[in-house]
N, C-alpha and C. Protein backbone atom coordinates (compact mmCIF):
# COMPACT_ATOMS: atom_id res chain seq x y z
N MET A 1 -0.64 7.16 29.35
CA MET A 1 -1.32 7.95 28.34
C MET A 1 -0.47 7.97 27.06
N MET A 2 -1.11 7.75 25.95
CA MET A 2 -0.41 7.69 24.66
C MET A 2 -0.45 9.05 23.98
N HIS A 3 0.69 9.43 23.39
CA HIS A 3 0.78 10.70 22.68
C HIS A 3 1.15 10.43 21.22
N THR A 4 0.57 11.18 20.31
CA THR A 4 0.92 11.08 18.90
C THR A 4 2.19 11.88 18.65
N THR A 5 3.19 11.21 18.11
CA THR A 5 4.45 11.90 17.82
C THR A 5 4.68 12.06 16.33
N VAL A 6 3.97 11.31 15.52
CA VAL A 6 4.15 11.37 14.08
C VAL A 6 2.83 10.97 13.41
N GLY A 7 2.60 11.48 12.24
CA GLY A 7 1.43 11.09 11.46
C GLY A 7 1.84 10.78 10.04
N TRP A 8 1.15 9.84 9.44
CA TRP A 8 1.41 9.48 8.04
C TRP A 8 0.17 9.80 7.23
N HIS A 9 0.39 10.25 6.03
CA HIS A 9 -0.70 10.45 5.08
C HIS A 9 -0.41 9.58 3.87
N VAL A 10 -1.37 8.76 3.50
CA VAL A 10 -1.23 7.90 2.33
C VAL A 10 -1.94 8.58 1.17
N ASP A 11 -1.22 8.75 0.07
CA ASP A 11 -1.81 9.31 -1.15
C ASP A 11 -2.22 8.17 -2.06
N MET A 12 -3.41 8.27 -2.63
CA MET A 12 -3.91 7.27 -3.58
C MET A 12 -4.21 7.98 -4.88
N GLU A 13 -3.81 7.35 -5.97
CA GLU A 13 -4.10 7.89 -7.29
C GLU A 13 -4.67 6.76 -8.13
N PHE A 14 -5.69 7.07 -8.92
CA PHE A 14 -6.36 6.06 -9.74
C PHE A 14 -6.32 6.44 -11.21
N MET A 15 -6.14 5.44 -12.05
CA MET A 15 -6.23 5.58 -13.49
C MET A 15 -7.28 4.56 -13.95
N GLU A 16 -8.25 5.03 -14.72
CA GLU A 16 -9.35 4.15 -15.10
C GLU A 16 -9.69 4.27 -16.58
N ASP A 17 -10.17 3.17 -17.12
CA ASP A 17 -10.85 3.19 -18.41
C ASP A 17 -12.13 2.38 -18.22
N ASP A 18 -12.79 1.99 -19.28
CA ASP A 18 -14.08 1.31 -19.12
C ASP A 18 -13.96 -0.13 -18.61
N GLN A 19 -12.76 -0.69 -18.55
CA GLN A 19 -12.60 -2.08 -18.10
C GLN A 19 -11.61 -2.24 -16.95
N TYR A 20 -10.63 -1.37 -16.84
CA TYR A 20 -9.56 -1.54 -15.85
C TYR A 20 -9.43 -0.33 -14.93
N THR A 21 -9.08 -0.62 -13.70
CA THR A 21 -8.74 0.44 -12.74
C THR A 21 -7.38 0.09 -12.15
N ARG A 22 -6.51 1.07 -12.15
CA ARG A 22 -5.19 0.90 -11.55
C ARG A 22 -5.05 1.92 -10.42
N ALA A 23 -4.41 1.50 -9.35
CA ALA A 23 -4.22 2.38 -8.20
C ALA A 23 -2.75 2.41 -7.82
N VAL A 24 -2.31 3.57 -7.36
CA VAL A 24 -0.97 3.72 -6.81
C VAL A 24 -1.15 4.31 -5.41
N ALA A 25 -0.55 3.66 -4.42
CA ALA A 25 -0.56 4.16 -3.05
C ALA A 25 0.86 4.59 -2.71
N MET A 26 0.99 5.72 -2.01
CA MET A 26 2.31 6.21 -1.65
C MET A 26 2.24 6.83 -0.26
N VAL A 27 3.24 6.49 0.55
CA VAL A 27 3.38 7.12 1.85
C VAL A 27 4.80 7.65 1.96
N ARG A 28 4.92 8.87 2.50
CA ARG A 28 6.24 9.46 2.73
C ARG A 28 6.49 9.36 4.23
N LEU A 29 7.55 8.65 4.59
CA LEU A 29 7.87 8.42 5.99
C LEU A 29 8.66 9.60 6.56
N PRO A 30 8.70 9.74 7.88
CA PRO A 30 9.39 10.88 8.50
C PRO A 30 10.86 10.99 8.11
N ASP A 31 11.50 9.87 7.73
CA ASP A 31 12.90 9.93 7.32
C ASP A 31 13.06 10.36 5.86
N GLY A 32 11.96 10.69 5.19
CA GLY A 32 12.00 11.13 3.80
C GLY A 32 11.81 10.01 2.79
N THR A 33 11.82 8.77 3.24
CA THR A 33 11.62 7.63 2.35
C THR A 33 10.20 7.64 1.81
N GLU A 34 10.06 7.38 0.52
CA GLU A 34 8.73 7.19 -0.09
C GLU A 34 8.56 5.72 -0.40
N VAL A 35 7.46 5.15 0.04
CA VAL A 35 7.14 3.76 -0.25
C VAL A 35 5.90 3.77 -1.15
N ARG A 36 6.02 3.10 -2.30
CA ARG A 36 4.92 3.07 -3.28
C ARG A 36 4.50 1.63 -3.55
N ALA A 37 3.23 1.49 -3.89
CA ALA A 37 2.70 0.17 -4.23
C ALA A 37 1.57 0.34 -5.24
N HIS A 38 1.29 -0.74 -5.96
CA HIS A 38 0.29 -0.70 -7.03
C HIS A 38 -0.78 -1.76 -6.80
N GLY A 39 -1.96 -1.46 -7.30
CA GLY A 39 -3.06 -2.42 -7.29
C GLY A 39 -3.86 -2.28 -8.56
N HIS A 40 -4.64 -3.28 -8.89
CA HIS A 40 -5.45 -3.20 -10.10
C HIS A 40 -6.77 -3.95 -9.90
N ALA A 41 -7.71 -3.63 -10.74
CA ALA A 41 -9.00 -4.32 -10.79
C ALA A 41 -9.46 -4.33 -12.23
N SER A 42 -10.20 -5.35 -12.60
CA SER A 42 -10.76 -5.38 -13.95
C SER A 42 -12.24 -5.73 -13.86
N ARG A 43 -13.00 -5.14 -14.75
CA ARG A 43 -14.44 -5.36 -14.80
C ARG A 43 -14.74 -6.43 -15.83
N HIS A 44 -15.51 -7.43 -15.42
CA HIS A 44 -15.95 -8.45 -16.38
C HIS A 44 -16.91 -7.79 -17.36
N ARG A 45 -16.88 -8.21 -18.60
CA ARG A 45 -17.67 -7.54 -19.65
C ARG A 45 -19.17 -7.56 -19.40
N VAL A 46 -19.68 -8.49 -18.60
CA VAL A 46 -21.12 -8.53 -18.34
C VAL A 46 -21.51 -7.71 -17.11
N ASP A 47 -20.53 -7.24 -16.35
CA ASP A 47 -20.83 -6.43 -15.16
C ASP A 47 -21.12 -4.99 -15.57
N SER A 48 -21.99 -4.35 -14.79
CA SER A 48 -22.28 -2.94 -15.05
C SER A 48 -21.07 -2.10 -14.64
N GLN A 49 -20.98 -0.91 -15.22
CA GLN A 49 -19.86 -0.03 -14.88
C GLN A 49 -20.11 0.61 -13.52
N GLN A 50 -19.22 0.33 -12.59
CA GLN A 50 -19.28 0.91 -11.26
C GLN A 50 -17.87 1.34 -10.87
N PRO A 51 -17.45 2.51 -11.33
CA PRO A 51 -16.08 2.94 -11.09
C PRO A 51 -15.67 2.91 -9.62
N ARG A 52 -16.60 3.23 -8.72
CA ARG A 52 -16.26 3.23 -7.30
C ARG A 52 -15.81 1.85 -6.83
N VAL A 53 -16.46 0.80 -7.33
CA VAL A 53 -16.10 -0.56 -6.94
C VAL A 53 -14.70 -0.90 -7.44
N GLY A 54 -14.40 -0.53 -8.67
CA GLY A 54 -13.06 -0.75 -9.21
C GLY A 54 -12.00 -0.02 -8.39
N GLU A 55 -12.31 1.21 -7.96
CA GLU A 55 -11.38 1.97 -7.13
C GLU A 55 -11.19 1.28 -5.78
N GLU A 56 -12.26 0.77 -5.20
CA GLU A 56 -12.15 0.10 -3.91
C GLU A 56 -11.29 -1.15 -4.01
N VAL A 57 -11.49 -1.95 -5.04
CA VAL A 57 -10.71 -3.18 -5.20
C VAL A 57 -9.25 -2.86 -5.50
N ALA A 58 -9.02 -1.99 -6.47
CA ALA A 58 -7.64 -1.62 -6.83
C ALA A 58 -6.95 -0.92 -5.66
N GLY A 59 -7.68 -0.05 -4.97
CA GLY A 59 -7.12 0.65 -3.83
C GLY A 59 -6.76 -0.29 -2.69
N ALA A 60 -7.64 -1.24 -2.41
CA ALA A 60 -7.36 -2.22 -1.35
C ALA A 60 -6.14 -3.05 -1.70
N ARG A 61 -6.01 -3.44 -2.94
CA ARG A 61 -4.84 -4.22 -3.36
C ARG A 61 -3.56 -3.40 -3.25
N ALA A 62 -3.62 -2.13 -3.60
CA ALA A 62 -2.44 -1.27 -3.48
C ALA A 62 -2.07 -1.07 -2.00
N LEU A 63 -3.07 -0.87 -1.15
CA LEU A 63 -2.80 -0.70 0.27
C LEU A 63 -2.24 -1.98 0.89
N ASN A 64 -2.73 -3.13 0.44
CA ASN A 64 -2.21 -4.40 0.93
C ASN A 64 -0.73 -4.55 0.56
N GLU A 65 -0.40 -4.22 -0.69
CA GLU A 65 1.00 -4.28 -1.11
C GLU A 65 1.84 -3.26 -0.34
N LEU A 66 1.29 -2.08 -0.10
CA LEU A 66 2.00 -1.06 0.66
C LEU A 66 2.30 -1.58 2.08
N ALA A 67 1.33 -2.22 2.70
CA ALA A 67 1.54 -2.79 4.03
C ALA A 67 2.66 -3.82 4.02
N MET A 68 2.69 -4.67 3.02
CA MET A 68 3.74 -5.69 2.94
C MET A 68 5.11 -5.05 2.72
N ARG A 69 5.17 -4.00 1.92
CA ARG A 69 6.45 -3.31 1.70
C ARG A 69 6.95 -2.64 2.99
N LEU A 70 6.01 -2.07 3.76
CA LEU A 70 6.40 -1.46 5.03
C LEU A 70 6.88 -2.51 6.02
N LEU A 71 6.22 -3.67 6.06
CA LEU A 71 6.68 -4.76 6.93
C LEU A 71 8.07 -5.22 6.53
N THR A 72 8.31 -5.35 5.24
CA THR A 72 9.64 -5.76 4.76
C THR A 72 10.69 -4.73 5.15
N LYS A 73 10.37 -3.45 4.97
CA LYS A 73 11.30 -2.38 5.33
C LYS A 73 11.62 -2.44 6.82
N ALA A 74 10.60 -2.60 7.66
CA ALA A 74 10.81 -2.68 9.10
C ALA A 74 11.67 -3.90 9.46
N HIS A 75 11.39 -5.01 8.81
CA HIS A 75 12.14 -6.24 9.06
C HIS A 75 13.62 -6.04 8.71
N GLU A 76 13.90 -5.41 7.59
CA GLU A 76 15.27 -5.15 7.18
C GLU A 76 15.97 -4.20 8.16
N GLU A 77 15.24 -3.21 8.68
CA GLU A 77 15.82 -2.29 9.65
C GLU A 77 16.12 -2.99 10.97
N ILE A 78 15.26 -3.91 11.39
CA ILE A 78 15.52 -4.69 12.60
C ILE A 78 16.80 -5.50 12.42
N ASP A 79 16.91 -6.17 11.28
CA ASP A 79 18.11 -6.97 11.00
C ASP A 79 19.37 -6.11 10.98
N SER A 80 19.29 -4.96 10.35
CA SER A 80 20.44 -4.08 10.24
C SER A 80 20.87 -3.56 11.61
N ALA A 81 19.92 -3.17 12.43
CA ALA A 81 20.24 -2.62 13.75
C ALA A 81 20.75 -3.69 14.71
N SER A 82 20.25 -4.91 14.56
CA SER A 82 20.63 -5.97 15.50
C SER A 82 21.85 -6.76 15.05
N GLY A 83 22.16 -6.70 13.75
CA GLY A 83 23.28 -7.44 13.22
C GLY A 83 23.01 -8.94 13.10
N ARG A 84 21.77 -9.32 13.13
CA ARG A 84 21.41 -10.73 13.00
C ARG A 84 20.14 -10.85 12.17
N THR A 85 19.83 -12.06 11.79
CA THR A 85 18.61 -12.30 11.04
C THR A 85 17.48 -12.56 12.03
N SER A 86 16.45 -11.75 11.95
CA SER A 86 15.32 -11.87 12.86
C SER A 86 14.23 -12.75 12.25
N HIS A 87 13.25 -13.05 13.06
CA HIS A 87 12.12 -13.83 12.59
C HIS A 87 11.24 -12.95 11.70
N PRO A 88 10.64 -13.53 10.67
CA PRO A 88 9.78 -12.75 9.79
C PRO A 88 8.61 -12.11 10.56
N ILE A 89 8.21 -10.95 10.10
CA ILE A 89 7.06 -10.26 10.68
C ILE A 89 5.83 -10.70 9.88
N HIS A 90 4.87 -11.25 10.56
CA HIS A 90 3.65 -11.72 9.90
C HIS A 90 2.49 -10.77 10.20
N VAL A 91 1.59 -10.68 9.27
CA VAL A 91 0.42 -9.83 9.44
C VAL A 91 -0.61 -10.57 10.23
């Protein structure tokens, strides 16, 4: 039986104008470390304004970068704890 011992909450913040959407994703880990990542989206001038779509694209890109940063952090911690260079962690 699996038990939850920790939970993470990811905060997303968006900045938008009529053409660009920028997103920042941040997670605070149990050790107090904050990991942040950014994403962006741009609207082509002939596309209709759909802010939700820009948020989804920019948000997904920020979350993707956040995932890669967390993988890198975990990889570095594995190397540090083992004293050797480990194999890369792939998604």
